[in-house]
Amino acid sequence: MTQDEKKTIHADFSKAVNMTPAALEKWLETEESKAVGFKGKDGSAAESVGHASGRRIVQIKRMHRAELADDDYAHMRKVVGYVRRHLAQEPANTETSRWRYSLMNWGHDPCK
């Protein structure tokens, strides 16, 4: 991965993730956060993919740029893709929707 690619990914990630690490951590502790998201093909996973991603986002946001590894950039790219895809599916009522809660697990509050 080139430095230019990393710079672009970091910029896109910074735009997509509009929640602070503290706000995201607080959100991840709520029942609403834990209730949404994909939990495996049979729904038996203890934690949703988005919830686990939220914990990883907190770690990434607290790191200095020089500390970021290629797998961190890969996750950042995944987050950007998820946020972009799901913003395009905005429902009529967003404030208390599962759509919003899922996006918030990925670090983006569409009502912010």
N, C-alpha and C. Protein backbone atom coordinates (compact mmCIF):
# COMPACT_ATOMS: atom_id res chain seq x y z
N MET A 1 0.86 -1.17 0.00
CA MET A 1 0.00 0.00 0.00
C MET A 1 0.91 1.24 0.00
N THR A 2 0.63 2.13 -0.93
CA THR A 2 1.47 3.33 -1.04
C THR A 2 1.08 4.38 0.00
N GLN A 3 1.94 5.33 0.20
CA GLN A 3 1.67 6.42 1.13
C GLN A 3 0.47 7.24 0.66
N ASP A 4 0.34 7.43 -0.66
CA ASP A 4 -0.80 8.17 -1.20
C ASP A 4 -2.11 7.44 -0.91
N GLU A 5 -2.11 6.11 -1.06
CA GLU A 5 -3.30 5.31 -0.76
C GLU A 5 -3.66 5.44 0.72
N LYS A 6 -2.66 5.35 1.56
CA LYS A 6 -2.89 5.47 3.00
C LYS A 6 -3.46 6.84 3.35
N LYS A 7 -2.93 7.87 2.71
CA LYS A 7 -3.41 9.23 2.96
C LYS A 7 -4.89 9.37 2.56
N THR A 8 -5.24 8.81 1.42
CA THR A 8 -6.63 8.86 0.94
C THR A 8 -7.56 8.08 1.87
N ILE A 9 -7.14 6.89 2.25
CA ILE A 9 -7.94 6.06 3.15
C ILE A 9 -8.15 6.78 4.48
N HIS A 10 -7.09 7.36 5.01
CA HIS A 10 -7.18 8.08 6.29
C HIS A 10 -8.15 9.25 6.18
N ALA A 11 -8.08 9.99 5.11
CA ALA A 11 -8.98 11.14 4.92
C ALA A 11 -10.43 10.68 4.80
N ASP A 12 -10.67 9.63 4.01
CA ASP A 12 -12.03 9.10 3.86
C ASP A 12 -12.57 8.57 5.18
N PHE A 13 -11.72 7.88 5.93
CA PHE A 13 -12.10 7.34 7.24
C PHE A 13 -12.47 8.48 8.19
N SER A 14 -11.67 9.53 8.19
CA SER A 14 -11.93 10.67 9.07
C SER A 14 -13.27 11.34 8.75
N LYS A 15 -13.66 11.34 7.49
CA LYS A 15 -14.96 11.90 7.10
C LYS A 15 -16.10 10.95 7.48
N ALA A 16 -15.89 9.66 7.28
CA ALA A 16 -16.94 8.67 7.54
C ALA A 16 -17.22 8.49 9.03
N VAL A 17 -16.19 8.47 9.83
CA VAL A 17 -16.34 8.25 11.27
C VAL A 17 -16.46 9.62 11.95
N ASN A 18 -17.70 9.98 12.27
CA ASN A 18 -17.94 11.30 12.85
C ASN A 18 -18.21 11.25 14.35
N MET A 19 -17.95 10.11 14.97
CA MET A 19 -18.10 9.98 16.42
C MET A 19 -16.70 9.94 17.05
N THR A 20 -16.57 10.57 18.20
CA THR A 20 -15.30 10.52 18.92
C THR A 20 -15.13 9.12 19.52
N PRO A 21 -13.90 8.74 19.84
CA PRO A 21 -13.70 7.45 20.50
C PRO A 21 -14.53 7.32 21.78
N ALA A 22 -14.59 8.37 22.59
CA ALA A 22 -15.36 8.32 23.84
C ALA A 22 -16.85 8.13 23.56
N ALA A 23 -17.39 8.87 22.60
CA ALA A 23 -18.81 8.75 22.26
C ALA A 23 -19.11 7.36 21.71
N LEU A 24 -18.23 6.84 20.88
CA LEU A 24 -18.44 5.51 20.31
C LEU A 24 -18.37 4.44 21.40
N GLU A 25 -17.41 4.55 22.29
CA GLU A 25 -17.32 3.59 23.41
C GLU A 25 -18.59 3.60 24.25
N LYS A 26 -19.08 4.79 24.55
CA LYS A 26 -20.31 4.92 25.34
C LYS A 26 -21.48 4.28 24.59
N TRP A 27 -21.59 4.55 23.30
CA TRP A 27 -22.65 3.99 22.47
C TRP A 27 -22.58 2.46 22.47
N LEU A 28 -21.39 1.90 22.33
CA LEU A 28 -21.23 0.45 22.25
C LEU A 28 -21.67 -0.28 23.51
N GLU A 29 -21.81 0.44 24.61
CA GLU A 29 -22.27 -0.15 25.87
C GLU A 29 -23.79 -0.22 25.96
N THR A 30 -24.51 0.45 25.05
CA THR A 30 -25.96 0.49 25.14
C THR A 30 -26.60 -0.78 24.60
N GLU A 31 -27.81 -1.03 25.06
CA GLU A 31 -28.57 -2.20 24.59
C GLU A 31 -28.93 -2.05 23.11
N GLU A 32 -29.21 -0.80 22.69
CA GLU A 32 -29.54 -0.57 21.28
C GLU A 32 -28.38 -0.98 20.37
N SER A 33 -27.18 -0.65 20.79
CA SER A 33 -25.99 -0.99 20.01
C SER A 33 -25.82 -2.50 19.91
N LYS A 34 -26.01 -3.17 21.02
CA LYS A 34 -25.81 -4.62 21.07
C LYS A 34 -26.91 -5.39 20.34
N ALA A 35 -28.07 -4.74 20.13
CA ALA A 35 -29.22 -5.42 19.54
C ALA A 35 -29.23 -5.44 18.01
N VAL A 36 -28.39 -4.64 17.37
CA VAL A 36 -28.43 -4.56 15.91
C VAL A 36 -27.20 -5.19 15.28
N GLY A 37 -27.35 -5.54 14.02
CA GLY A 37 -26.21 -6.00 13.25
C GLY A 37 -26.23 -7.49 12.97
N PHE A 38 -25.36 -7.89 12.06
CA PHE A 38 -25.23 -9.26 11.60
C PHE A 38 -24.42 -10.07 12.60
N LYS A 39 -25.01 -11.16 13.09
CA LYS A 39 -24.36 -12.01 14.09
C LYS A 39 -24.10 -13.41 13.56
N GLY A 40 -23.60 -13.48 12.35
CA GLY A 40 -23.30 -14.78 11.75
C GLY A 40 -24.48 -15.33 10.97
N LYS A 41 -24.20 -16.32 10.15
CA LYS A 41 -25.24 -16.90 9.28
C LYS A 41 -26.43 -17.44 10.07
N ASP A 42 -26.16 -18.03 11.22
CA ASP A 42 -27.25 -18.58 12.02
C ASP A 42 -27.67 -17.68 13.17
N GLY A 43 -27.07 -16.48 13.24
CA GLY A 43 -27.43 -15.51 14.26
C GLY A 43 -26.95 -15.86 15.66
N SER A 44 -26.03 -16.78 15.77
CA SER A 44 -25.61 -17.26 17.09
C SER A 44 -24.36 -16.58 17.65
N ALA A 45 -23.72 -15.73 16.89
CA ALA A 45 -22.51 -15.06 17.39
C ALA A 45 -22.87 -14.14 18.55
N ALA A 46 -21.98 -14.05 19.52
CA ALA A 46 -22.23 -13.22 20.69
C ALA A 46 -22.22 -11.73 20.36
N GLU A 47 -21.44 -11.34 19.35
CA GLU A 47 -21.29 -9.94 19.01
C GLU A 47 -21.47 -9.76 17.50
N SER A 48 -22.15 -8.69 17.12
CA SER A 48 -22.34 -8.42 15.69
C SER A 48 -21.03 -7.95 15.06
N VAL A 49 -20.96 -8.07 13.75
CA VAL A 49 -19.79 -7.62 13.00
C VAL A 49 -19.57 -6.13 13.22
N GLY A 50 -20.65 -5.34 13.18
CA GLY A 50 -20.54 -3.90 13.37
C GLY A 50 -20.09 -3.52 14.76
N HIS A 51 -20.55 -4.25 15.76
CA HIS A 51 -20.16 -3.96 17.14
C HIS A 51 -18.66 -4.21 17.32
N ALA A 52 -18.17 -5.31 16.79
CA ALA A 52 -16.73 -5.60 16.85
C ALA A 52 -15.95 -4.54 16.08
N SER A 53 -16.51 -4.11 14.94
CA SER A 53 -15.86 -3.06 14.16
C SER A 53 -15.77 -1.77 14.96
N GLY A 54 -16.81 -1.45 15.70
CA GLY A 54 -16.81 -0.24 16.52
C GLY A 54 -15.68 -0.26 17.54
N ARG A 55 -15.45 -1.41 18.16
CA ARG A 55 -14.35 -1.51 19.12
C ARG A 55 -13.01 -1.30 18.42
N ARG A 56 -12.88 -1.85 17.21
CA ARG A 56 -11.64 -1.68 16.44
C ARG A 56 -11.47 -0.21 16.01
N ILE A 57 -12.55 0.44 15.65
CA ILE A 57 -12.50 1.85 15.27
C ILE A 57 -11.97 2.69 16.43
N VAL A 58 -12.44 2.42 17.64
CA VAL A 58 -11.96 3.14 18.82
C VAL A 58 -10.45 3.00 18.93
N GLN A 59 -9.95 1.78 18.76
CA GLN A 59 -8.50 1.55 18.84
C GLN A 59 -7.77 2.35 17.77
N ILE A 60 -8.26 2.28 16.54
CA ILE A 60 -7.62 2.99 15.43
C ILE A 60 -7.62 4.50 15.66
N LYS A 61 -8.75 5.03 16.11
CA LYS A 61 -8.85 6.48 16.32
C LYS A 61 -7.89 6.96 17.42
N ARG A 62 -7.52 6.08 18.32
CA ARG A 62 -6.63 6.46 19.42
C ARG A 62 -5.15 6.25 19.07
N MET A 63 -4.88 5.75 17.89
CA MET A 63 -3.50 5.52 17.47
C MET A 63 -2.97 6.73 16.71
N HIS A 64 -1.67 6.90 16.75
CA HIS A 64 -1.03 7.91 15.92
C HIS A 64 -0.90 7.32 14.51
N ARG A 65 -0.94 8.17 13.53
CA ARG A 65 -0.87 7.72 12.14
C ARG A 65 0.33 6.80 11.88
N ALA A 66 1.47 7.13 12.47
CA ALA A 66 2.69 6.34 12.26
C ALA A 66 2.56 4.92 12.82
N GLU A 67 1.63 4.72 13.75
CA GLU A 67 1.43 3.40 14.37
C GLU A 67 0.52 2.49 13.55
N LEU A 68 -0.21 3.05 12.60
CA LEU A 68 -1.18 2.28 11.83
C LEU A 68 -0.49 1.29 10.89
N ALA A 69 -0.96 0.05 10.93
CA ALA A 69 -0.43 -1.01 10.07
C ALA A 69 -1.36 -1.20 8.88
N ASP A 70 -0.92 -2.00 7.92
CA ASP A 70 -1.72 -2.24 6.73
C ASP A 70 -3.10 -2.83 7.07
N ASP A 71 -3.16 -3.70 8.09
CA ASP A 71 -4.47 -4.26 8.44
C ASP A 71 -5.39 -3.20 9.05
N ASP A 72 -4.82 -2.19 9.69
CA ASP A 72 -5.63 -1.07 10.18
C ASP A 72 -6.21 -0.28 9.00
N TYR A 73 -5.38 -0.04 8.01
CA TYR A 73 -5.86 0.66 6.81
C TYR A 73 -6.92 -0.16 6.08
N ALA A 74 -6.75 -1.48 6.06
CA ALA A 74 -7.76 -2.34 5.43
C ALA A 74 -9.09 -2.23 6.17
N HIS A 75 -9.04 -2.17 7.49
CA HIS A 75 -10.28 -2.02 8.26
C HIS A 75 -10.88 -0.64 8.03
N MET A 76 -10.05 0.37 7.97
CA MET A 76 -10.53 1.72 7.71
C MET A 76 -11.26 1.77 6.37
N ARG A 77 -10.70 1.11 5.37
CA ARG A 77 -11.33 1.06 4.04
C ARG A 77 -12.69 0.35 4.13
N LYS A 78 -12.75 -0.73 4.92
CA LYS A 78 -14.00 -1.48 5.10
C LYS A 78 -15.06 -0.59 5.74
N VAL A 79 -14.66 0.19 6.74
CA VAL A 79 -15.58 1.10 7.44
C VAL A 79 -16.13 2.13 6.46
N VAL A 80 -15.27 2.71 5.67
CA VAL A 80 -15.69 3.73 4.70
C VAL A 80 -16.71 3.13 3.72
N GLY A 81 -16.43 1.94 3.23
CA GLY A 81 -17.35 1.28 2.31
C GLY A 81 -18.70 1.01 2.94
N TYR A 82 -18.69 0.52 4.18
CA TYR A 82 -19.94 0.23 4.88
C TYR A 82 -20.76 1.50 5.06
N VAL A 83 -20.13 2.55 5.56
CA VAL A 83 -20.84 3.81 5.80
C VAL A 83 -21.43 4.35 4.50
N ARG A 84 -20.65 4.37 3.44
CA ARG A 84 -21.15 4.89 2.16
C ARG A 84 -22.34 4.08 1.65
N ARG A 85 -22.24 2.76 1.69
CA ARG A 85 -23.34 1.90 1.21
C ARG A 85 -24.60 2.13 2.03
N HIS A 86 -24.47 2.19 3.33
CA HIS A 86 -25.65 2.30 4.17
C HIS A 86 -26.27 3.70 4.20
N LEU A 87 -25.47 4.72 3.99
CA LEU A 87 -26.04 6.06 3.90
C LEU A 87 -26.96 6.17 2.69
N ALA A 88 -26.68 5.41 1.66
CA ALA A 88 -27.51 5.44 0.45
C ALA A 88 -28.87 4.77 0.67
N GLN A 89 -29.04 4.08 1.79
CA GLN A 89 -30.29 3.36 2.07
C GLN A 89 -31.13 4.02 3.16
N GLU A 90 -30.96 5.30 3.34
CA GLU A 90 -31.61 6.01 4.45
C GLU A 90 -33.12 5.82 4.47
N PRO A 91 -33.65 5.36 5.61
CA PRO A 91 -35.10 5.20 5.74
C PRO A 91 -35.77 6.54 6.06
N ALA A 92 -37.08 6.57 6.07
CA ALA A 92 -37.83 7.79 6.36
C ALA A 92 -37.61 8.27 7.79
N ASN A 93 -37.67 7.37 8.75
CA ASN A 93 -37.48 7.72 10.16
C ASN A 93 -36.10 7.26 10.59
N THR A 94 -35.20 8.20 10.82
CA THR A 94 -33.84 7.80 11.14
C THR A 94 -33.50 7.85 12.62
N GLU A 95 -34.12 8.70 13.38
CA GLU A 95 -33.72 8.96 14.76
C GLU A 95 -33.59 7.70 15.62
N THR A 96 -34.56 6.82 15.58
CA THR A 96 -34.53 5.61 16.41
C THR A 96 -34.53 4.34 15.57
N SER A 97 -34.01 4.43 14.37
CA SER A 97 -34.05 3.27 13.48
C SER A 97 -32.87 2.33 13.68
N ARG A 98 -33.08 1.07 13.37
CA ARG A 98 -32.00 0.08 13.42
C ARG A 98 -30.91 0.48 12.42
N TRP A 99 -31.30 1.14 11.33
CA TRP A 99 -30.35 1.63 10.33
C TRP A 99 -29.35 2.59 10.99
N ARG A 100 -29.89 3.56 11.74
CA ARG A 100 -29.01 4.52 12.42
C ARG A 100 -28.14 3.82 13.46
N TYR A 101 -28.74 2.94 14.24
CA TYR A 101 -27.99 2.25 15.29
C TYR A 101 -26.85 1.42 14.70
N SER A 102 -27.11 0.79 13.57
CA SER A 102 -26.08 -0.01 12.91
C SER A 102 -24.94 0.89 12.43
N LEU A 103 -25.28 2.01 11.81
CA LEU A 103 -24.26 2.95 11.37
C LEU A 103 -23.44 3.48 12.55
N MET A 104 -24.10 3.71 13.66
CA MET A 104 -23.38 4.21 14.82
C MET A 104 -22.38 3.18 15.34
N ASN A 105 -22.71 1.89 15.23
CA ASN A 105 -21.74 0.86 15.61
C ASN A 105 -20.47 0.96 14.77
N TRP A 106 -20.62 1.48 13.54
CA TRP A 106 -19.48 1.66 12.64
C TRP A 106 -18.88 3.06 12.75
N GLY A 107 -19.28 3.81 13.78
CA GLY A 107 -18.68 5.10 14.07
C GLY A 107 -19.30 6.30 13.38
N HIS A 108 -20.44 6.10 12.70
CA HIS A 108 -21.07 7.23 11.99
C HIS A 108 -22.48 7.45 12.52
N ASP A 109 -22.72 8.64 13.06
CA ASP A 109 -24.07 9.01 13.48
C ASP A 109 -24.68 9.89 12.40
N PRO A 110 -25.63 9.37 11.63
CA PRO A 110 -26.22 10.16 10.54
C PRO A 110 -27.04 11.35 11.01
N CYS A 111 -27.37 11.41 12.29
CA CYS A 111 -28.14 12.53 12.83
C CYS A 111 -27.23 13.62 13.39
N LYS A 112 -25.97 13.46 13.25
CA LYS A 112 -25.00 14.41 13.79
C LYS A 112 -24.69 15.49 12.78
